PDB file of N, CA and C in Angstrom:
ATOM      1  N   MET A   1      18.118 -23.054 -18.948  1.00  0.00           N
ATOM      2  CA  MET A   1      17.974 -22.034 -17.580  1.00  0.00           C
ATOM      3  C   MET A   1      16.687 -22.080 -17.204  1.00  0.00           C
ATOM      4  N   ALA A   2      16.350 -22.315 -15.924  1.00  0.00           N
ATOM      5  CA  ALA A   2      15.009 -22.385 -15.390  1.00  0.00           C
ATOM      6  C   ALA A   2      14.518 -20.874 -15.174  1.00  0.00           C
ATOM      7  N   ARG A   3      13.203 -20.703 -15.609  1.00  0.00           N
ATOM      8  CA  ARG A   3      12.785 -19.334 -15.268  1.00  0.00           C
ATOM      9  C   ARG A   3      12.307 -19.097 -13.791  1.00  0.00           C
ATOM     10  N   SER A   4      12.360 -18.009 -13.286  1.00  0.00           N
ATOM     11  CA  SER A   4      11.898 -17.757 -11.801  1.00  0.00           C
ATOM     12  C   SER A   4      10.605 -17.592 -11.772  1.00  0.00           C
ATOM     13  N   LYS A   5       9.864 -18.102 -10.790  1.00  0.00           N
ATOM     14  CA  LYS A   5       8.437 -17.879 -10.491  1.00  0.00           C
ATOM     15  C   LYS A   5       8.171 -16.397 -10.317  1.00  0.00           C
ATOM     16  N   LYS A   6       7.109 -15.773 -10.937  1.00  0.00           N
ATOM     17  CA  LYS A   6       6.826 -14.538 -10.448  1.00  0.00           C
ATOM     18  C   LYS A   6       5.796 -14.505  -9.234  1.00  0.00           C
ATOM     19  N   LEU A   7       6.268 -13.543  -8.326  1.00  0.00           N
ATOM     20  CA  LEU A   7       5.708 -13.703  -7.028  1.00  0.00           C
ATOM     21  C   LEU A   7       4.353 -13.047  -6.958  1.00  0.00           C
ATOM     22  N   THR A   8       3.265 -13.624  -6.322  1.00  0.00           N
ATOM     23  CA  THR A   8       2.044 -12.814  -6.131  1.00  0.00           C
ATOM     24  C   THR A   8       2.123 -11.597  -5.142  1.00  0.00           C
ATOM     25  N   THR A   9       1.379 -10.852  -5.129  1.00  0.00           N
ATOM     26  CA  THR A   9       1.439  -9.575  -4.395  1.00  0.00           C
ATOM     27  C   THR A   9       1.514 -10.048  -2.959  1.00  0.00           C
ATOM     28  N   GLU A  10       0.818 -10.975  -2.489  1.00  0.00           N
ATOM     29  CA  GLU A  10       0.906 -11.392  -1.111  1.00  0.00           C
ATOM     30  C   GLU A  10       2.266 -11.807  -0.672  1.00  0.00           C
ATOM     31  N   GLU A  11       2.850 -12.767  -1.690  1.00  0.00           N
ATOM     32  CA  GLU A  11       4.143 -13.412  -1.517  1.00  0.00           C
ATOM     33  C   GLU A  11       5.389 -12.244  -1.547  1.00  0.00           C
ATOM     34  N   ALA A  12       5.094 -11.251  -2.307  1.00  0.00           N
ATOM     35  CA  ALA A  12       6.141 -10.223  -2.299  1.00  0.00           C
ATOM     36  C   ALA A  12       6.053  -9.556  -1.019  1.00  0.00           C
ATOM     37  N   TYR A  13       4.904  -9.125  -0.591  1.00  0.00           N
ATOM     38  CA  TYR A  13       4.696  -8.397   0.695  1.00  0.00           C
ATOM     39  C   TYR A  13       5.258  -9.161   1.866  1.00  0.00           C
ATOM     40  N   LYS A  14       4.985 -10.577   1.924  1.00  0.00           N
ATOM     41  CA  LYS A  14       5.444 -11.276   3.014  1.00  0.00           C
ATOM     42  C   LYS A  14       7.135 -11.276   2.988  1.00  0.00           C
ATOM     43  N   ARG A  15       7.685 -11.271   1.786  1.00  0.00           N
ATOM     44  CA  ARG A  15       9.198 -11.322   1.682  1.00  0.00           C
ATOM     45  C   ARG A  15       9.730 -10.056   2.096  1.00  0.00           C
ATOM     46  N   GLN A  16       9.095  -8.975   1.712  1.00  0.00           N
ATOM     47  CA  GLN A  16       9.545  -7.641   2.133  1.00  0.00           C
ATOM     48  C   GLN A  16       9.532  -7.462   3.673  1.00  0.00           C
ATOM     49  N   LEU A  17       8.426  -8.052   4.337  1.00  0.00           N
ATOM     50  CA  LEU A  17       8.434  -7.989   5.616  1.00  0.00           C
ATOM     51  C   LEU A  17       9.404  -8.682   6.391  1.00  0.00           C
ATOM     52  N   ALA A  18       9.823  -9.860   5.813  1.00  0.00           N
ATOM     53  CA  ALA A  18      10.884 -10.823   6.267  1.00  0.00           C
ATOM     54  C   ALA A  18      12.188  -9.985   6.081  1.00  0.00           C
ATOM     55  N   ARG A  19      12.467  -9.188   4.896  1.00  0.00           N
ATOM     56  CA  ARG A  19      13.563  -8.560   4.773  1.00  0.00           C
ATOM     57  C   ARG A  19      13.791  -7.366   5.758  1.00  0.00           C
ATOM     58  N   ASN A  20      12.559  -6.715   6.051  1.00  0.00           N
ATOM     59  CA  ASN A  20      12.653  -5.627   7.221  1.00  0.00           C
ATOM     60  C   ASN A  20      13.034  -6.099   8.348  1.00  0.00           C
ATOM     61  N   ALA A  21      12.481  -7.149   8.819  1.00  0.00           N
ATOM     62  CA  ALA A  21      12.640  -7.878  10.099  1.00  0.00           C
ATOM     63  C   ALA A  21      14.261  -8.032  10.159  1.00  0.00           C
ATOM     64  N   GLU A  22      14.853  -8.765   9.109  1.00  0.00           N
ATOM     65  CA  GLU A  22      16.143  -9.190   9.048  1.00  0.00           C
ATOM     66  C   GLU A  22      17.116  -7.872   9.245  1.00  0.00           C
ATOM     67  N   TYR A  23      16.790  -6.920   8.300  1.00  0.00           N
ATOM     68  CA  TYR A  23      17.468  -5.630   8.440  1.00  0.00           C
ATOM     69  C   TYR A  23      17.465  -5.052   9.952  1.00  0.00           C
ATOM     70  N   ASN A  24      16.129  -4.876  10.802  1.00  0.00           N
ATOM     71  CA  ASN A  24      16.049  -4.479  11.920  1.00  0.00           C
ATOM     72  C   ASN A  24      16.908  -5.390  12.838  1.00  0.00           C
ATOM     73  N   ARG A  25      16.998  -6.582  12.715  1.00  0.00           N
ATOM     74  CA  ARG A  25      17.746  -7.522  13.678  1.00  0.00           C
ATOM     75  C   ARG A  25      19.189  -7.220  13.609  1.00  0.00           C
ATOM     76  N   THR A  26      19.719  -6.882  12.338  1.00  0.00           N
ATOM     77  CA  THR A  26      21.106  -6.886  12.333  1.00  0.00           C
ATOM     78  C   THR A  26      21.604  -5.362  12.262  1.00  0.00           C
ATOM     79  N   HIS A  27      20.694  -4.476  12.233  1.00  0.00           N
ATOM     80  CA  HIS A  27      21.041  -3.025  12.288  1.00  0.00           C
ATOM     81  C   HIS A  27      20.296  -2.380  13.491  1.00  0.00           C
ATOM     82  N   LYS A  28      20.407  -2.831  14.711  1.00  0.00           N
ATOM     83  CA  LYS A  28      19.367  -2.517  15.619  1.00  0.00           C
ATOM     84  C   LYS A  28      19.649  -0.802  15.870  1.00  0.00           C
ATOM     85  N   LYS A  29      20.790  -0.443  16.253  1.00  0.00           N
ATOM     86  CA  LYS A  29      21.133   1.064  16.516  1.00  0.00           C
ATOM     87  C   LYS A  29      20.396   1.842  15.299  1.00  0.00           C
ATOM     88  N   GLU A  30      20.812   1.529  14.042  1.00  0.00           N
ATOM     89  CA  GLU A  30      20.284   2.323  12.920  1.00  0.00           C
ATOM     90  C   GLU A  30      18.874   2.242  12.764  1.00  0.00           C
ATOM     91  N   ALA A  31      18.245   1.162  12.978  1.00  0.00           N
ATOM     92  CA  ALA A  31      16.779   1.062  12.934  1.00  0.00           C
ATOM     93  C   ALA A  31      15.957   1.814  14.089  1.00  0.00           C
ATOM     94  N   TYR A  32      16.464   1.670  15.217  1.00  0.00           N
ATOM     95  CA  TYR A  32      16.072   2.479  16.483  1.00  0.00           C
ATOM     96  C   TYR A  32      16.186   4.125  15.986  1.00  0.00           C
ATOM     97  N   ARG A  33      17.386   4.619  15.548  1.00  0.00           N
ATOM     98  CA  ARG A  33      17.468   5.939  15.469  1.00  0.00           C
ATOM     99  C   ARG A  33      16.453   6.422  14.248  1.00  0.00           C
ATOM    100  N   ASN A  34      16.360   5.452  13.193  1.00  0.00           N
ATOM    101  CA  ASN A  34      15.471   5.771  12.197  1.00  0.00           C
ATOM    102  C   ASN A  34      13.815   5.953  12.741  1.00  0.00           C
ATOM    103  N   GLN A  35      13.491   4.940  13.618  1.00  0.00           N
ATOM    104  CA  GLN A  35      12.269   4.955  14.252  1.00  0.00           C
ATOM    105  C   GLN A  35      11.975   6.437  14.986  1.00  0.00           C
ATOM    106  N   LYS A  36      13.031   6.703  15.851  1.00  0.00           N
ATOM    107  CA  LYS A  36      12.908   8.088  16.556  1.00  0.00           C
ATOM    108  C   LYS A  36      12.827   9.219  15.579  1.00  0.00           C
ATOM    109  N   LYS A  37      13.672   9.098  14.503  1.00  0.00           N
ATOM    110  CA  LYS A  37      13.632  10.284  13.674  1.00  0.00           C
ATOM    111  C   LYS A  37      12.093  10.322  12.991  1.00  0.00           C
ATOM    112  N   SER A  38      11.712   9.244  12.590  1.00  0.00           N
ATOM    113  CA  SER A  38      10.399   9.390  11.997  1.00  0.00           C
ATOM    114  C   SER A  38       9.248   9.821  12.933  1.00  0.00           C
ATOM    115  N   ARG A  39       9.316   9.345  14.154  1.00  0.00           N
ATOM    116  CA  ARG A  39       8.293   9.908  15.112  1.00  0.00           C
ATOM    117  C   ARG A  39       8.544  11.323  15.381  1.00  0.00           C
ATOM    118  N   ALA A  40       9.722  11.919  15.545  1.00  0.00           N
ATOM    119  CA  ALA A  40       9.975  13.370  15.583  1.00  0.00           C
ATOM    120  C   ALA A  40       9.341  14.196  14.361  1.00  0.00           C
ATOM    121  N   LYS A  41       9.520  13.666  13.163  1.00  0.00           N
ATOM    122  CA  LYS A  41       9.139  14.402  12.102  1.00  0.00           C
ATOM    123  C   LYS A  41       7.800  14.459  11.962  1.00  0.00           C
ATOM    124  N   SER A  42       6.903  13.268  12.486  1.00  0.00           N
ATOM    125  CA  SER A  42       5.680  13.102  12.235  1.00  0.00           C
ATOM    126  C   SER A  42       4.858  13.882  13.521  1.00  0.00           C
ATOM    127  N   PHE A  43       5.472  14.001  14.552  1.00  0.00           N
ATOM    128  CA  PHE A  43       4.893  15.018  15.520  1.00  0.00           C
ATOM    129  C   PHE A  43       4.992  16.352  15.083  1.00  0.00           C
ATOM    130  N   ILE A  44       6.055  16.894  14.514  1.00  0.00           N
ATOM    131  CA  ILE A  44       6.393  18.149  14.100  1.00  0.00           C
ATOM    132  C   ILE A  44       5.342  18.456  13.021  1.00  0.00           C
ATOM    133  N   ASN A  45       5.098  17.629  11.968  1.00  0.00           N
ATOM    134  CA  ASN A  45       4.277  17.919  10.844  1.00  0.00           C
ATOM    135  C   ASN A  45       2.892  17.719  11.080  1.00  0.00           C
ATOM    136  N   LYS A  46       2.459  16.920  12.157  1.00  0.00           N
ATOM    137  CA  LYS A  46       1.039  16.595  12.236  1.00  0.00           C
ATOM    138  C   LYS A  46       0.396  17.107  13.695  1.00  0.00           C
ATOM    139  N   ASP A  47       1.295  17.152  14.750  1.00  0.00           N
ATOM    140  CA  ASP A  47       0.527  17.375  16.054  1.00  0.00           C
ATOM    141  C   ASP A  47       1.022  18.546  16.756  1.00  0.00           C
ATOM    142  N   ALA A  48       2.275  19.172  16.419  1.00  0.00           N
ATOM    143  CA  ALA A  48       2.812  19.960  17.374  1.00  0.00           C
ATOM    144  C   ALA A  48       2.060  21.414  17.239  1.00  0.00           C
ATOM    145  N   THR A  49       1.845  22.040  18.479  1.00  0.00           N
ATOM    146  CA  THR A  49       1.394  23.261  18.324  1.00  0.00           C
ATOM    147  C   THR A  49       2.377  24.514  18.052  1.00  0.00           C
ATOM    148  N   ALA A  50       2.065  25.720  17.947  1.00  0.00           N
ATOM    149  CA  ALA A  50       3.088  26.821  17.758  1.00  0.00           C
ATOM    150  C   ALA A  50       3.944  26.927  18.863  1.00  0.00           C
ATOM    151  N   GLU A  51       3.432  26.826  19.942  1.00  0.00           N
ATOM    152  CA  GLU A  51       4.276  26.938  21.364  1.00  0.00           C
ATOM    153  C   GLU A  51       5.236  25.820  21.411  1.00  0.00           C
ATOM    154  N   GLU A  52       4.966  24.595  21.025  1.00  0.00           N
ATOM    155  CA  GLU A  52       5.749  23.417  21.053  1.00  0.00           C
ATOM    156  C   GLU A  52       6.779  23.596  20.045  1.00  0.00           C
ATOM    157  N   LEU A  53       6.478  24.136  18.767  1.00  0.00           N
ATOM    158  CA  LEU A  53       7.500  24.428  17.800  1.00  0.00           C
ATOM    159  C   LEU A  53       8.460  25.203  18.282  1.00  0.00           C
ATOM    160  N   LYS A  54       8.149  26.351  18.946  1.00  0.00           N
ATOM    161  CA  LYS A  54       9.141  27.516  19.472  1.00  0.00           C
ATOM    162  C   LYS A  54      10.061  26.737  20.133  1.00  0.00           C
ATOM    163  N   GLU A  55       9.439  25.893  21.257  1.00  0.00           N
ATOM    164  CA  GLU A  55      10.302  25.328  22.162  1.00  0.00           C
ATOM    165  C   GLU A  55      11.354  24.415  21.608  1.00  0.00           C
ATOM    166  N   LEU A  56      10.806  23.684  20.673  1.00  0.00           N
ATOM    167  CA  LEU A  56      11.647  22.633  19.795  1.00  0.00           C
ATOM    168  C   LEU A  56      12.768  23.352  18.963  1.00  0.00           C
ATOM    169  N   ARG A  57      12.452  24.677  18.507  1.00  0.00           N
ATOM    170  CA  ARG A  57      13.322  25.467  17.944  1.00  0.00           C
ATOM    171  C   ARG A  57      14.634  25.857  18.737  1.00  0.00           C
ATOM    172  N   VAL A  58      14.297  26.171  19.916  1.00  0.00           N
ATOM    173  CA  VAL A  58      15.444  26.639  21.108  1.00  0.00           C
ATOM    174  C   VAL A  58      16.119  25.387  21.170  1.00  0.00           C
ATOM    175  N   LEU A  59      15.570  24.194  21.321  1.00  0.00           N
ATOM    176  CA  LEU A  59      16.297  23.034  21.789  1.00  0.00           C
ATOM    177  C   LEU A  59      17.121  22.493  20.429  1.00  0.00           C
ATOM    178  N   ILE A  60      16.578  22.632  19.275  1.00  0.00           N
ATOM    179  CA  ILE A  60      17.488  22.584  18.025  1.00  0.00           C
ATOM    180  C   ILE A  60      18.722  23.458  18.093  1.00  0.00           C
ATOM    181  N   ASP A  61      18.393  24.837  18.161  1.00  0.00           N
ATOM    182  CA  ASP A  61      19.502  25.822  18.057  1.00  0.00           C
ATOM    183  C   ASP A  61      20.587  25.422  19.275  1.00  0.00           C
ATOM    184  N   GLU A  62      20.230  25.071  20.501  1.00  0.00           N
ATOM    185  CA  GLU A  62      21.056  24.594  21.393  1.00  0.00           C
ATOM    186  C   GLU A  62      22.118  23.360  21.044  1.00  0.00           C
ATOM    187  N   ARG A  63      21.266  22.469  20.371  1.00  0.00           N
ATOM    188  CA  ARG A  63      22.121  21.183  20.127  1.00  0.00           C
ATOM    189  C   ARG A  63      22.828  21.536  18.734  1.00  0.00           C
ATOM    190  N   LEU A  64      22.400  22.364  18.037  1.00  0.00           N
ATOM    191  CA  LEU A  64      23.497  22.673  16.771  1.00  0.00           C
ATOM    192  C   LEU A  64      24.731  23.398  17.351  1.00  0.00           C
ATOM    193  N   GLU A  65      24.567  24.229  18.216  1.00  0.00           N
ATOM    194  CA  GLU A  65      25.687  24.970  19.029  1.00  0.00           C
ATOM    195  C   GLU A  65      26.741  23.956  19.487  1.00  0.00           C
ATOM    196  N   GLU A  66      26.007  23.151  20.372  1.00  0.00           N
ATOM    197  CA  GLU A  66      26.933  21.975  20.936  1.00  0.00           C
ATOM    198  C   GLU A  66      27.866  21.183  19.949  1.00  0.00           C
ATOM    199  N   ILE A  67      26.837  20.713  18.772  1.00  0.00           N
ATOM    200  CA  ILE A  67      27.663  19.969  17.924  1.00  0.00           C
ATOM    201  C   ILE A  67      28.791  20.847  17.236  1.00  0.00           C
ATOM    202  N   SER A  68      28.387  22.093  16.775  1.00  0.00           N
ATOM    203  CA  SER A  68      29.506  22.990  16.092  1.00  0.00           C
ATOM    204  C   SER A  68      30.644  23.089  17.005  1.00  0.00           C
ATOM    205  N   GLU A  69      30.623  23.159  18.118  1.00  0.00           N
ATOM    206  CA  GLU A  69      31.657  23.393  19.188  1.00  0.00           C
ATOM    207  C   GLU A  69      32.895  22.172  19.209  1.00  0.00           C
ATOM    208  N   ASN A  70      32.069  20.974  18.844  1.00  0.00           N
ATOM    209  CA  ASN A  70      32.992  19.785  18.912  1.00  0.00           C
ATOM    210  C   ASN A  70      33.557  19.425  17.662  1.00  0.00           C
TER     211      ASN A  70
END
């Protein structure tokens, strides 16, 4: 049985980028949703002011009510 060649760090990185691109192509909705979720979390954790967080809390509570009614 032939042994598989160990990838260099650069080769592994390029292969992973290709896999990510393929996933994004085949799962467009999920990838887009993940991107939006990541941006929202980043905004909340890094940039939001207290006033903005209070506004977001109101929006989140309204959305939770809407979801629980359905």
